[in-house]
Amino acid sequence: MKKRIFNLPNLLFLLILLCFLLPSKYASEMRSGLKSPLVFGIVLVLIELGFHLGLTKIKKRQSSLDITTFVFIFLLIWEFCVSRLNLLPYIFIPAPENVFYVFLSDWKVILTGFVNSMILIVIGMVLAGASSTILGTLVGWNDRLTKAIYPIAKAISTVPALIYTPYIVLIVPTFRMASLCVIFLSNFWGGFMGSINNTAFVEQKIINAAKILNLSTPTILFKIIIPFNMPRLINALPIQLATALMTLTVAEMLGADSGMGYYVRFSLNFANYTKAIAGIIFIGLVVTVLNSLIDVTKKHYIKWNY
């Protein structure tokens, strides 16, 4: 009980709150002034609640302590050096109160962009995941196809999706279709090669047992090999998600009129770094939450591993 109360994250949390009581040079010297600390305070409380929730899990106790410590140290330095002392260039490094206040003032725009981006992400990743898994399994099942197609896929996959993203946005008629193409291509080739390798790594005794039972080839592929490789497919999702978000963000910064990347690009075009930083923080939060959902899904629905 003492460790849950007397620890470094709790001390840092109190220090940040005490900083709110200090006089602010930022508020007195900046024309835009200092926004209400309400939203920033809510963020701090949510982080603190997440920290105490992590302490209830023995395996995650130390990592929760370390992560929260680093986050609070960063926020304390940011609050003290910018909001209180105004030591850093205010144009490029705005006060945390102003940054987090954006989530209150622009919540409709941010929420609309989030929904639009997530629709594209989900559709693109589902199409890429399903097609790469099915086609990769079919190719991996046939040695001749594997030897013919795998080197070509490997060569194509070495080209980063960010290189051809501007070209696809330029030639495809609509931005929505261009975004889906970019997300699809950024995930398809890696998943395709992974499925080929996963099929080759299935233990031969499992396949032999299926053949002894006189199972058809489609049954072996779709009811044995693909389910057997499901843990590997789930493990690859965080990387695929990060890649999809990265390419979509770049695409949105080039030609969209809504979305998380568009919000950052629009803010930067008008030198509104307060909103740009808020948009970047929001994208990082979205990635973190989605990765956590993937971990929860894996623990609840994938009961086997190897």
Protein backbone atom coordinates (compact mmCIF):
# COMPACT_ATOMS: atom_id res chain seq x y z
CA MET A 1 0.00 0.00 0.00
CA LYS A 2 2.85 2.40 0.84
CA LYS A 3 4.48 1.76 -2.53
CA ARG A 4 1.25 2.70 -4.29
CA ILE A 5 1.20 6.08 -2.52
CA PHE A 6 4.85 7.00 -1.96
CA ASN A 7 6.47 6.65 -5.37
CA LEU A 8 8.11 8.87 -7.97
CA PRO A 9 5.16 9.18 -10.40
CA ASN A 10 2.86 10.40 -7.61
CA LEU A 11 5.48 12.93 -6.51
CA LEU A 12 5.88 14.21 -10.07
CA PHE A 13 2.10 14.40 -10.43
CA LEU A 14 1.89 16.65 -7.36
CA LEU A 15 4.78 18.81 -8.59
CA ILE A 16 3.02 19.44 -11.90
CA LEU A 17 -0.16 20.42 -10.07
CA LEU A 18 1.84 22.75 -7.82
CA CYS A 19 3.28 24.40 -10.92
CA PHE A 20 -0.22 25.64 -11.71
CA LEU A 21 0.01 27.82 -8.59
CA LEU A 22 3.23 29.55 -9.70
CA PRO A 23 3.08 32.87 -11.60
CA SER A 24 3.22 32.45 -15.37
CA LYS A 25 5.53 34.53 -17.55
CA TYR A 26 3.88 32.91 -20.57
CA ALA A 27 0.50 34.34 -19.55
CA SER A 28 1.90 37.84 -18.95
CA GLU A 29 4.26 38.07 -21.95
CA MET A 30 2.37 36.24 -24.72
CA ARG A 31 -0.40 38.00 -26.62
CA SER A 32 -2.38 34.77 -26.95
CA GLY A 33 -2.09 34.21 -23.20
CA LEU A 34 -2.37 30.96 -21.29
CA LYS A 35 -5.48 28.84 -21.68
CA SER A 36 -7.33 27.22 -18.81
CA PRO A 37 -5.39 24.32 -17.25
CA LEU A 38 -8.62 22.30 -16.96
CA VAL A 39 -8.04 20.00 -19.94
CA PHE A 40 -4.35 19.56 -19.10
CA GLY A 41 -5.36 18.70 -15.54
CA ILE A 42 -7.85 16.11 -16.79
CA VAL A 43 -5.10 14.54 -18.90
CA LEU A 44 -2.83 14.37 -15.86
CA VAL A 45 -5.57 12.72 -13.78
CA LEU A 46 -6.21 10.15 -16.53
CA ILE A 47 -2.51 9.31 -16.69
CA GLU A 48 -2.43 8.97 -12.91
CA LEU A 49 -5.48 6.67 -12.96
CA GLY A 50 -3.88 4.57 -15.68
CA PHE A 51 -0.74 4.33 -13.58
CA HIS A 52 -2.63 3.04 -10.53
CA LEU A 53 -4.52 0.60 -12.74
CA GLY A 54 -1.17 -0.72 -13.98
CA LEU A 55 0.01 -1.20 -10.40
CA THR A 56 -2.78 -3.72 -9.83
CA LYS A 57 -1.18 -6.05 -12.39
CA ILE A 58 1.97 -7.61 -10.97
CA LYS A 59 3.60 -8.34 -14.33
CA LYS A 60 3.11 -4.76 -15.57
CA ARG A 61 3.86 -2.98 -12.29
CA GLN A 62 7.47 -2.04 -13.02
CA SER A 63 6.86 -1.05 -16.65
CA SER A 64 3.87 1.06 -15.57
CA LEU A 65 6.04 2.79 -12.97
CA ASP A 66 8.84 3.52 -15.46
CA ILE A 67 6.59 4.70 -18.30
CA THR A 68 4.56 7.02 -16.07
CA THR A 69 7.75 8.43 -14.55
CA PHE A 70 9.15 9.36 -17.97
CA VAL A 71 5.83 10.88 -19.09
CA PHE A 72 5.47 13.00 -15.94
CA ILE A 73 9.12 14.15 -16.10
CA PHE A 74 8.55 15.33 -19.67
CA LEU A 75 5.31 17.11 -18.76
CA LEU A 76 6.87 18.70 -15.67
CA ILE A 77 9.79 20.10 -17.70
CA TRP A 78 7.40 21.31 -20.40
CA GLU A 79 5.08 22.98 -17.89
CA PHE A 80 7.83 24.59 -15.80
CA CYS A 81 10.09 25.78 -18.63
CA VAL A 82 7.35 27.00 -20.99
CA SER A 83 4.20 27.86 -19.05
CA ARG A 84 5.93 29.24 -15.96
CA LEU A 85 9.31 30.59 -17.12
CA ASN A 86 8.71 31.03 -20.89
CA LEU A 87 12.29 29.97 -21.64
CA LEU A 88 11.70 28.31 -25.03
CA PRO A 89 10.56 29.78 -28.38
CA TYR A 90 6.82 30.17 -27.84
CA ILE A 91 6.00 29.94 -31.56
CA PHE A 92 7.41 26.44 -31.94
CA ILE A 93 6.90 25.17 -28.38
CA PRO A 94 3.55 26.39 -27.01
CA ALA A 95 2.41 25.87 -23.44
CA PRO A 96 0.93 22.44 -22.61
CA GLU A 97 -2.28 24.13 -21.37
CA ASN A 98 -2.77 25.65 -24.83
CA VAL A 99 -1.96 22.40 -26.63
CA PHE A 100 -4.36 20.24 -24.64
CA TYR A 101 -7.04 22.94 -24.73
CA VAL A 102 -7.21 22.32 -28.49
CA PHE A 103 -8.94 18.99 -27.77
CA LEU A 104 -11.78 20.98 -26.22
CA SER A 105 -11.98 23.81 -28.74
CA ASP A 106 -11.53 21.66 -31.89
CA TRP A 107 -13.08 18.40 -30.73
CA LYS A 108 -15.60 18.23 -33.59
CA VAL A 109 -12.93 18.65 -36.28
CA ILE A 110 -10.59 16.17 -34.58
CA LEU A 111 -13.36 13.61 -34.10
CA THR A 112 -14.51 13.91 -37.72
CA GLY A 113 -10.94 13.46 -38.95
CA PHE A 114 -10.48 10.46 -36.67
CA VAL A 115 -13.62 8.75 -37.98
CA ASN A 116 -12.67 9.36 -41.62
CA SER A 117 -9.14 8.05 -41.07
CA MET A 118 -10.30 4.98 -39.16
CA ILE A 119 -12.78 4.02 -41.89
CA LEU A 120 -9.97 4.03 -44.44
CA ILE A 121 -7.60 2.19 -42.09
CA VAL A 122 -10.08 -0.57 -41.28
CA ILE A 123 -11.17 -1.15 -44.88
CA GLY A 124 -7.61 -1.05 -46.22
CA MET A 125 -6.16 -3.34 -43.56
CA VAL A 126 -9.01 -5.86 -43.80
CA LEU A 127 -8.64 -6.08 -47.58
CA ALA A 128 -4.85 -6.33 -47.38
CA GLY A 129 -4.91 -8.84 -44.52
CA ALA A 130 -7.51 -11.14 -46.07
CA SER A 131 -6.04 -11.13 -49.57
CA SER A 132 -2.40 -11.47 -48.46
CA THR A 133 -3.23 -14.34 -46.09
CA ILE A 134 -5.28 -16.30 -48.63
CA LEU A 135 -2.98 -15.72 -51.61
CA GLY A 136 0.17 -16.21 -49.53
CA THR A 137 -1.13 -19.50 -48.16
CA LEU A 138 -2.04 -20.73 -51.66
CA VAL A 139 1.38 -19.79 -53.03
CA GLY A 140 3.22 -21.24 -50.02
CA TRP A 141 1.39 -24.55 -50.45
CA ASN A 142 2.91 -24.98 -53.94
CA ASP A 143 6.72 -25.15 -54.08
CA ARG A 144 6.86 -24.17 -57.74
CA LEU A 145 4.73 -21.07 -57.20
CA THR A 146 6.79 -20.16 -54.14
CA LYS A 147 10.06 -20.28 -56.09
CA ALA A 148 8.56 -18.24 -58.93
CA ILE A 149 6.63 -15.57 -57.02
CA TYR A 150 8.48 -15.11 -53.71
CA PRO A 151 11.60 -13.39 -55.21
CA ILE A 152 9.36 -10.95 -57.12
CA ALA A 153 7.30 -10.15 -54.02
CA LYS A 154 10.48 -9.69 -51.99
CA ALA A 155 11.86 -7.21 -54.53
CA ILE A 156 8.62 -5.21 -54.63
CA SER A 157 8.25 -5.15 -50.85
CA THR A 158 11.66 -3.50 -50.42
CA VAL A 159 10.28 -0.29 -51.95
CA PRO A 160 8.88 1.85 -49.09
CA ALA A 161 5.24 2.79 -49.52
CA LEU A 162 6.05 6.42 -48.70
CA ILE A 163 8.00 6.70 -51.97
CA TYR A 164 5.07 5.98 -54.27
CA THR A 165 2.35 7.50 -52.07
CA PRO A 166 2.50 10.96 -53.77
CA TYR A 167 2.33 9.27 -57.19
CA ILE A 168 -0.74 7.21 -56.27
CA VAL A 169 -2.48 10.27 -54.82
CA LEU A 170 -1.76 12.06 -58.11
CA ILE A 171 -3.00 9.43 -60.58
CA VAL A 172 -5.97 7.90 -58.73
CA PRO A 173 -9.23 9.83 -59.41
CA THR A 174 -10.45 10.22 -55.81
CA PHE A 175 -8.54 10.67 -52.59
CA ARG A 176 -10.51 7.93 -50.81
CA MET A 177 -9.55 5.39 -53.48
CA ALA A 178 -5.94 6.60 -53.41
CA SER A 179 -5.80 6.20 -49.63
CA LEU A 180 -7.18 2.67 -49.82
CA CYS A 181 -4.61 1.79 -52.49
CA VAL A 182 -1.77 3.19 -50.38
CA ILE A 183 -2.88 1.36 -47.22
CA PHE A 184 -3.46 -1.85 -49.17
CA LEU A 185 -0.06 -1.82 -50.88
CA SER A 186 1.83 -0.82 -47.73
CA ASN A 187 0.52 -3.93 -45.94
CA PHE A 188 -0.12 -6.47 -48.69
CA TRP A 189 3.40 -7.43 -49.71
CA GLY A 190 4.74 -7.92 -46.20
CA GLY A 191 1.69 -9.96 -45.23
CA PHE A 192 1.88 -11.92 -48.49
CA MET A 193 5.49 -12.95 -47.90
CA GLY A 194 4.76 -13.68 -44.25
CA SER A 195 1.92 -16.03 -45.21
CA ILE A 196 4.17 -17.85 -47.68
CA ASN A 197 6.78 -18.35 -44.96
CA ASN A 198 4.18 -19.32 -42.36
CA THR A 199 2.79 -22.00 -44.66
CA ALA A 200 6.26 -23.41 -45.20
CA PHE A 201 6.91 -23.47 -41.43
CA VAL A 202 3.86 -25.57 -40.57
CA GLU A 203 5.08 -28.86 -39.11
CA GLN A 204 4.99 -31.65 -41.67
CA LYS A 205 3.44 -34.08 -39.19
CA ILE A 206 0.35 -31.86 -38.98
CA ILE A 207 -0.07 -31.88 -42.75
CA ASN A 208 0.57 -35.63 -42.90
CA ALA A 209 -2.09 -36.24 -40.25
CA ALA A 210 -4.57 -34.18 -42.27
CA LYS A 211 -3.79 -36.15 -45.42
CA ILE A 212 -4.22 -39.45 -43.56
CA LEU A 213 -7.71 -38.26 -42.59
CA ASN A 214 -8.30 -37.75 -46.33
CA LEU A 215 -9.05 -34.05 -45.94
CA SER A 216 -9.32 -31.96 -49.09
CA THR A 217 -6.73 -29.32 -49.96
CA PRO A 218 -9.10 -26.36 -49.28
CA THR A 219 -9.92 -27.84 -45.87
CA ILE A 220 -6.22 -28.22 -45.03
CA LEU A 221 -5.46 -24.66 -46.14
CA PHE A 222 -8.39 -22.81 -44.58
CA LYS A 223 -9.17 -24.91 -41.51
CA ILE A 224 -5.70 -26.09 -40.47
CA ILE A 225 -2.86 -23.98 -41.88
CA ILE A 226 -4.42 -20.51 -41.58
CA PRO A 227 -5.77 -21.08 -38.02
CA PHE A 228 -2.41 -22.63 -37.06
CA ASN A 229 -0.65 -19.45 -38.23
CA MET A 230 -3.14 -17.07 -36.58
CA PRO A 231 -0.79 -16.09 -33.68
CA ARG A 232 1.87 -15.01 -36.19
CA LEU A 233 -0.72 -13.00 -38.13
CA ILE A 234 -1.91 -11.24 -34.97
CA ASN A 235 1.68 -10.53 -33.88
CA ALA A 236 2.30 -8.74 -37.18
CA LEU A 237 -0.73 -6.45 -36.77
CA PRO A 238 0.98 -3.70 -34.69
CA ILE A 239 3.66 -3.22 -37.36
CA GLN A 240 1.07 -3.28 -40.14
CA LEU A 241 -1.08 -0.79 -38.25
CA ALA A 242 1.84 1.60 -37.76
CA THR A 243 2.74 1.33 -41.45
CA ALA A 244 -0.86 1.92 -42.54
CA LEU A 245 -1.24 4.98 -40.30
CA MET A 246 2.08 6.39 -41.47
CA THR A 247 1.24 6.07 -45.17
CA LEU A 248 -2.33 7.32 -44.65
CA THR A 249 -1.07 10.34 -42.72
CA VAL A 250 1.31 11.22 -45.56
CA ALA A 251 -1.48 10.76 -48.11
CA GLU A 252 -3.81 12.99 -46.07
CA MET A 253 -1.12 15.64 -45.82
CA LEU A 254 -0.88 15.65 -49.63
CA GLY A 255 -4.47 15.74 -50.83
CA ALA A 256 -7.18 15.23 -48.22
CA ASP A 257 -9.79 17.64 -46.90
CA SER A 258 -10.32 15.70 -43.65
CA GLY A 259 -8.44 13.26 -41.46
CA MET A 260 -5.82 13.18 -38.74
CA GLY A 261 -2.93 13.87 -41.12
CA TYR A 262 -4.88 16.63 -42.84
CA TYR A 263 -5.45 18.36 -39.49
CA VAL A 264 -1.70 18.45 -38.81
CA ARG A 265 -0.86 19.62 -42.33
CA PHE A 266 -3.55 22.33 -42.30
CA SER A 267 -2.28 23.61 -38.94
CA LEU A 268 1.33 23.67 -40.14
CA ASN A 269 0.37 25.57 -43.30
CA PHE A 270 -0.91 28.41 -41.12
CA ALA A 271 1.99 28.12 -38.64
CA ASN A 272 -0.43 27.08 -35.90
CA TYR A 273 2.02 24.84 -34.07
CA THR A 274 -0.27 24.57 -31.05
CA LYS A 275 -2.87 22.67 -33.09
CA ALA A 276 -0.18 20.78 -35.02
CA ILE A 277 1.35 19.43 -31.80
CA ALA A 278 -2.11 18.54 -30.51
CA GLY A 279 -2.75 16.61 -33.73
CA ILE A 280 0.55 14.75 -33.42
CA ILE A 281 -0.22 13.83 -29.80
CA PHE A 282 -3.67 12.60 -30.87
CA ILE A 283 -2.20 10.38 -33.60
CA GLY A 284 0.22 8.87 -31.09
CA LEU A 285 -2.65 8.25 -28.68
CA VAL A 286 -4.69 6.54 -31.41
CA VAL A 287 -1.80 4.21 -32.28
CA THR A 288 -1.29 3.33 -28.61
CA VAL A 289 -4.98 2.55 -28.04
CA LEU A 290 -5.25 0.45 -31.21
CA ASN A 291 -2.16 -1.56 -30.28
CA SER A 292 -3.64 -2.16 -26.83
CA LEU A 293 -6.86 -3.41 -28.44
CA ILE A 294 -4.82 -5.80 -30.59
CA ASP A 295 -3.11 -7.19 -27.48
CA VAL A 296 -6.46 -7.65 -25.72
CA THR A 297 -7.90 -9.38 -28.78
CA LYS A 298 -4.94 -11.73 -28.97
CA LYS A 299 -5.19 -12.69 -25.29
CA HIS A 300 -8.93 -13.38 -25.44
CA TYR A 301 -9.33 -15.07 -28.82
CA ILE A 302 -5.96 -16.65 -29.60
CA LYS A 303 -5.50 -19.30 -26.93
CA TRP A 304 -2.60 -21.13 -28.56
CA ASN A 305 0.97 -20.17 -29.42
CA TYR A 306 4.24 -21.75 -30.47
